[in-house]
Amino acid sequence: MSNKALDTQVGGGHYKDFAIQPIEYCMANGLDHCQSNVVKYVTRFRLKNGKEDLLKARHYIDLLIDYEYDKKT
């Protein structure tokens, strides 16, 4: 039995079959919360919640746009 957190997934197995799990990519590239959620939802949408996950990803993109650009005007 492995003690690595990446070997355990609570609530399904929708990340296990990817060559790299979204969290590995996000951590390795220093992505913030919004960026990480975009990666997560776009990666899993076909395996978990379909359109709902794409809408969640779009919401996080909208949040990024507001935070990165609208706060500066």
N, C-alpha and C. Protein backbone atom coordinates (compact mmCIF):
# COMPACT_ATOMS: atom_id res chain seq x y z
N MET A 1 0.84 -1.18 0.00
CA MET A 1 0.00 0.00 0.00
C MET A 1 0.89 1.25 0.00
N SER A 2 0.55 2.19 -0.86
CA SER A 2 1.35 3.40 -0.99
C SER A 2 0.92 4.45 0.03
N ASN A 3 1.86 5.25 0.44
CA ASN A 3 1.58 6.35 1.35
C ASN A 3 1.54 7.68 0.64
N LYS A 4 1.68 7.68 -0.68
CA LYS A 4 1.69 8.93 -1.44
C LYS A 4 0.26 9.43 -1.64
N ALA A 5 0.07 10.71 -1.39
CA ALA A 5 -1.26 11.30 -1.53
C ALA A 5 -1.77 11.21 -2.95
N LEU A 6 -0.91 11.30 -3.95
CA LEU A 6 -1.34 11.21 -5.35
C LEU A 6 -1.87 9.84 -5.72
N ASP A 7 -1.52 8.82 -4.95
CA ASP A 7 -2.01 7.47 -5.23
C ASP A 7 -3.41 7.24 -4.69
N THR A 8 -3.93 8.19 -3.93
CA THR A 8 -5.26 8.08 -3.35
C THR A 8 -6.12 9.21 -3.87
N GLN A 9 -7.33 8.86 -4.31
CA GLN A 9 -8.27 9.89 -4.73
C GLN A 9 -9.59 9.67 -4.02
N VAL A 10 -10.04 10.68 -3.33
CA VAL A 10 -11.31 10.62 -2.62
C VAL A 10 -12.40 11.04 -3.60
N GLY A 11 -13.44 10.26 -3.72
CA GLY A 11 -14.58 10.63 -4.56
C GLY A 11 -14.47 10.25 -6.02
N GLY A 12 -13.79 9.18 -6.33
CA GLY A 12 -13.73 8.73 -7.72
C GLY A 12 -12.32 8.44 -8.17
N GLY A 13 -12.19 8.15 -9.46
CA GLY A 13 -10.89 7.83 -10.02
C GLY A 13 -10.64 8.56 -11.32
N HIS A 14 -11.29 9.70 -11.52
CA HIS A 14 -11.26 10.39 -12.80
C HIS A 14 -9.92 11.02 -13.15
N TYR A 15 -8.97 11.10 -12.24
CA TYR A 15 -7.65 11.64 -12.55
C TYR A 15 -6.60 10.55 -12.73
N LYS A 16 -6.86 9.37 -12.27
CA LYS A 16 -5.87 8.30 -12.21
C LYS A 16 -5.33 7.88 -13.58
N ASP A 17 -6.11 7.98 -14.64
CA ASP A 17 -5.68 7.49 -15.94
C ASP A 17 -4.92 8.52 -16.77
N PHE A 18 -4.77 9.72 -16.28
CA PHE A 18 -4.02 10.74 -17.01
C PHE A 18 -2.52 10.52 -16.82
N ALA A 19 -1.74 10.89 -17.83
CA ALA A 19 -0.28 10.75 -17.76
C ALA A 19 0.29 11.57 -16.61
N ILE A 20 -0.31 12.72 -16.37
CA ILE A 20 0.06 13.57 -15.24
C ILE A 20 -1.24 14.12 -14.65
N GLN A 21 -1.36 14.06 -13.35
CA GLN A 21 -2.57 14.56 -12.71
C GLN A 21 -2.55 16.09 -12.72
N PRO A 22 -3.73 16.71 -12.81
CA PRO A 22 -3.78 18.17 -12.85
C PRO A 22 -3.01 18.83 -11.70
N ILE A 23 -3.09 18.28 -10.51
CA ILE A 23 -2.41 18.89 -9.37
C ILE A 23 -0.90 18.88 -9.55
N GLU A 24 -0.37 17.83 -10.17
CA GLU A 24 1.07 17.76 -10.43
C GLU A 24 1.50 18.88 -11.38
N TYR A 25 0.74 19.06 -12.45
CA TYR A 25 1.01 20.10 -13.42
C TYR A 25 0.93 21.49 -12.77
N CYS A 26 -0.13 21.70 -12.01
CA CYS A 26 -0.35 23.01 -11.38
C CYS A 26 0.74 23.35 -10.38
N MET A 27 1.11 22.40 -9.55
CA MET A 27 2.15 22.64 -8.55
C MET A 27 3.51 22.87 -9.21
N ALA A 28 3.82 22.08 -10.24
CA ALA A 28 5.11 22.20 -10.93
C ALA A 28 5.26 23.54 -11.64
N ASN A 29 4.13 24.14 -12.02
CA ASN A 29 4.16 25.39 -12.76
C ASN A 29 3.75 26.60 -11.93
N GLY A 30 3.56 26.41 -10.64
CA GLY A 30 3.26 27.52 -9.73
C GLY A 30 1.97 28.25 -10.05
N LEU A 31 0.95 27.53 -10.49
CA LEU A 31 -0.32 28.16 -10.83
C LEU A 31 -1.07 28.57 -9.57
N ASP A 32 -1.81 29.68 -9.68
CA ASP A 32 -2.62 30.12 -8.55
C ASP A 32 -3.94 29.32 -8.51
N HIS A 33 -4.77 29.65 -7.55
CA HIS A 33 -6.02 28.91 -7.34
C HIS A 33 -6.92 28.93 -8.57
N CYS A 34 -7.13 30.08 -9.15
CA CYS A 34 -8.01 30.18 -10.32
C CYS A 34 -7.43 29.41 -11.50
N GLN A 35 -6.16 29.57 -11.77
CA GLN A 35 -5.53 28.86 -12.87
C GLN A 35 -5.61 27.34 -12.66
N SER A 36 -5.37 26.90 -11.45
CA SER A 36 -5.42 25.48 -11.14
C SER A 36 -6.81 24.91 -11.35
N ASN A 37 -7.81 25.66 -10.96
CA ASN A 37 -9.18 25.18 -11.15
C ASN A 37 -9.55 25.08 -12.63
N VAL A 38 -9.07 26.01 -13.45
CA VAL A 38 -9.33 25.92 -14.89
C VAL A 38 -8.74 24.62 -15.43
N VAL A 39 -7.49 24.34 -15.07
CA VAL A 39 -6.84 23.10 -15.52
C VAL A 39 -7.62 21.89 -15.04
N LYS A 40 -8.00 21.89 -13.78
CA LYS A 40 -8.71 20.76 -13.19
C LYS A 40 -10.04 20.50 -13.90
N TYR A 41 -10.85 21.53 -14.05
CA TYR A 41 -12.18 21.33 -14.63
C TYR A 41 -12.14 20.98 -16.11
N VAL A 42 -11.22 21.58 -16.86
CA VAL A 42 -11.12 21.26 -18.28
C VAL A 42 -10.58 19.83 -18.46
N THR A 43 -9.68 19.42 -17.60
CA THR A 43 -9.11 18.07 -17.70
C THR A 43 -10.15 16.99 -17.44
N ARG A 44 -11.02 17.19 -16.49
CA ARG A 44 -11.92 16.11 -16.06
C ARG A 44 -13.33 16.15 -16.66
N PHE A 45 -13.68 17.17 -17.42
CA PHE A 45 -15.09 17.36 -17.77
C PHE A 45 -15.71 16.15 -18.46
N ARG A 46 -14.99 15.45 -19.30
CA ARG A 46 -15.56 14.28 -19.98
C ARG A 46 -15.77 13.08 -19.05
N LEU A 47 -15.05 13.06 -17.95
CA LEU A 47 -15.10 11.92 -17.04
C LEU A 47 -15.96 12.17 -15.81
N LYS A 48 -16.34 13.41 -15.56
CA LYS A 48 -17.06 13.68 -14.31
C LYS A 48 -18.37 14.43 -14.55
N ASN A 49 -18.33 15.74 -14.68
CA ASN A 49 -19.57 16.51 -14.68
C ASN A 49 -19.91 17.19 -16.00
N GLY A 50 -19.23 16.83 -17.08
CA GLY A 50 -19.57 17.34 -18.41
C GLY A 50 -19.61 18.85 -18.49
N LYS A 51 -20.68 19.36 -19.05
CA LYS A 51 -20.85 20.79 -19.28
C LYS A 51 -20.68 21.62 -18.00
N GLU A 52 -21.15 21.10 -16.88
CA GLU A 52 -21.02 21.83 -15.61
C GLU A 52 -19.56 22.15 -15.31
N ASP A 53 -18.66 21.20 -15.55
CA ASP A 53 -17.24 21.45 -15.31
C ASP A 53 -16.70 22.50 -16.27
N LEU A 54 -17.15 22.51 -17.51
CA LEU A 54 -16.72 23.54 -18.46
C LEU A 54 -17.22 24.92 -18.04
N LEU A 55 -18.43 24.97 -17.51
CA LEU A 55 -18.96 26.24 -17.02
C LEU A 55 -18.18 26.72 -15.80
N LYS A 56 -17.77 25.79 -14.95
CA LYS A 56 -16.95 26.16 -13.80
C LYS A 56 -15.60 26.71 -14.26
N ALA A 57 -15.00 26.05 -15.27
CA ALA A 57 -13.73 26.53 -15.81
C ALA A 57 -13.89 27.94 -16.37
N ARG A 58 -14.97 28.18 -17.10
CA ARG A 58 -15.22 29.51 -17.66
C ARG A 58 -15.39 30.54 -16.54
N HIS A 59 -16.04 30.16 -15.46
CA HIS A 59 -16.21 31.07 -14.33
C HIS A 59 -14.85 31.48 -13.76
N TYR A 60 -13.95 30.51 -13.62
CA TYR A 60 -12.63 30.83 -13.10
C TYR A 60 -11.83 31.69 -14.08
N ILE A 61 -12.02 31.49 -15.37
CA ILE A 61 -11.38 32.37 -16.36
C ILE A 61 -11.92 33.78 -16.22
N ASP A 62 -13.25 33.91 -16.05
CA ASP A 62 -13.85 35.24 -15.85
C ASP A 62 -13.29 35.90 -14.58
N LEU A 63 -13.12 35.12 -13.53
CA LEU A 63 -12.55 35.65 -12.29
C LEU A 63 -11.12 36.15 -12.53
N LEU A 64 -10.35 35.37 -13.28
CA LEU A 64 -8.98 35.79 -13.59
C LEU A 64 -8.96 37.08 -14.39
N ILE A 65 -9.84 37.19 -15.37
CA ILE A 65 -9.91 38.42 -16.19
C ILE A 65 -10.23 39.61 -15.29
N ASP A 66 -11.24 39.45 -14.43
CA ASP A 66 -11.62 40.53 -13.52
C ASP A 66 -10.46 40.90 -12.61
N TYR A 67 -9.82 39.90 -12.04
CA TYR A 67 -8.75 40.16 -11.08
C TYR A 67 -7.52 40.75 -11.76
N GLU A 68 -7.14 40.19 -12.89
CA GLU A 68 -5.90 40.61 -13.55
C GLU A 68 -6.02 41.92 -14.31
N TYR A 69 -7.20 42.22 -14.82
CA TYR A 69 -7.33 43.39 -15.68
C TYR A 69 -8.26 44.47 -15.14
N ASP A 70 -9.41 44.08 -14.63
CA ASP A 70 -10.36 45.08 -14.17
C ASP A 70 -9.90 45.79 -12.90
N LYS A 71 -9.10 45.14 -12.09
CA LYS A 71 -8.63 45.78 -10.85
C LYS A 71 -7.63 46.89 -11.16
N LYS A 72 -7.03 46.86 -12.34
CA LYS A 72 -5.99 47.81 -12.69
C LYS A 72 -6.54 49.05 -13.38
N THR A 73 -7.83 49.06 -13.68
CA THR A 73 -8.41 50.22 -14.39
C THR A 73 -9.08 51.16 -13.43
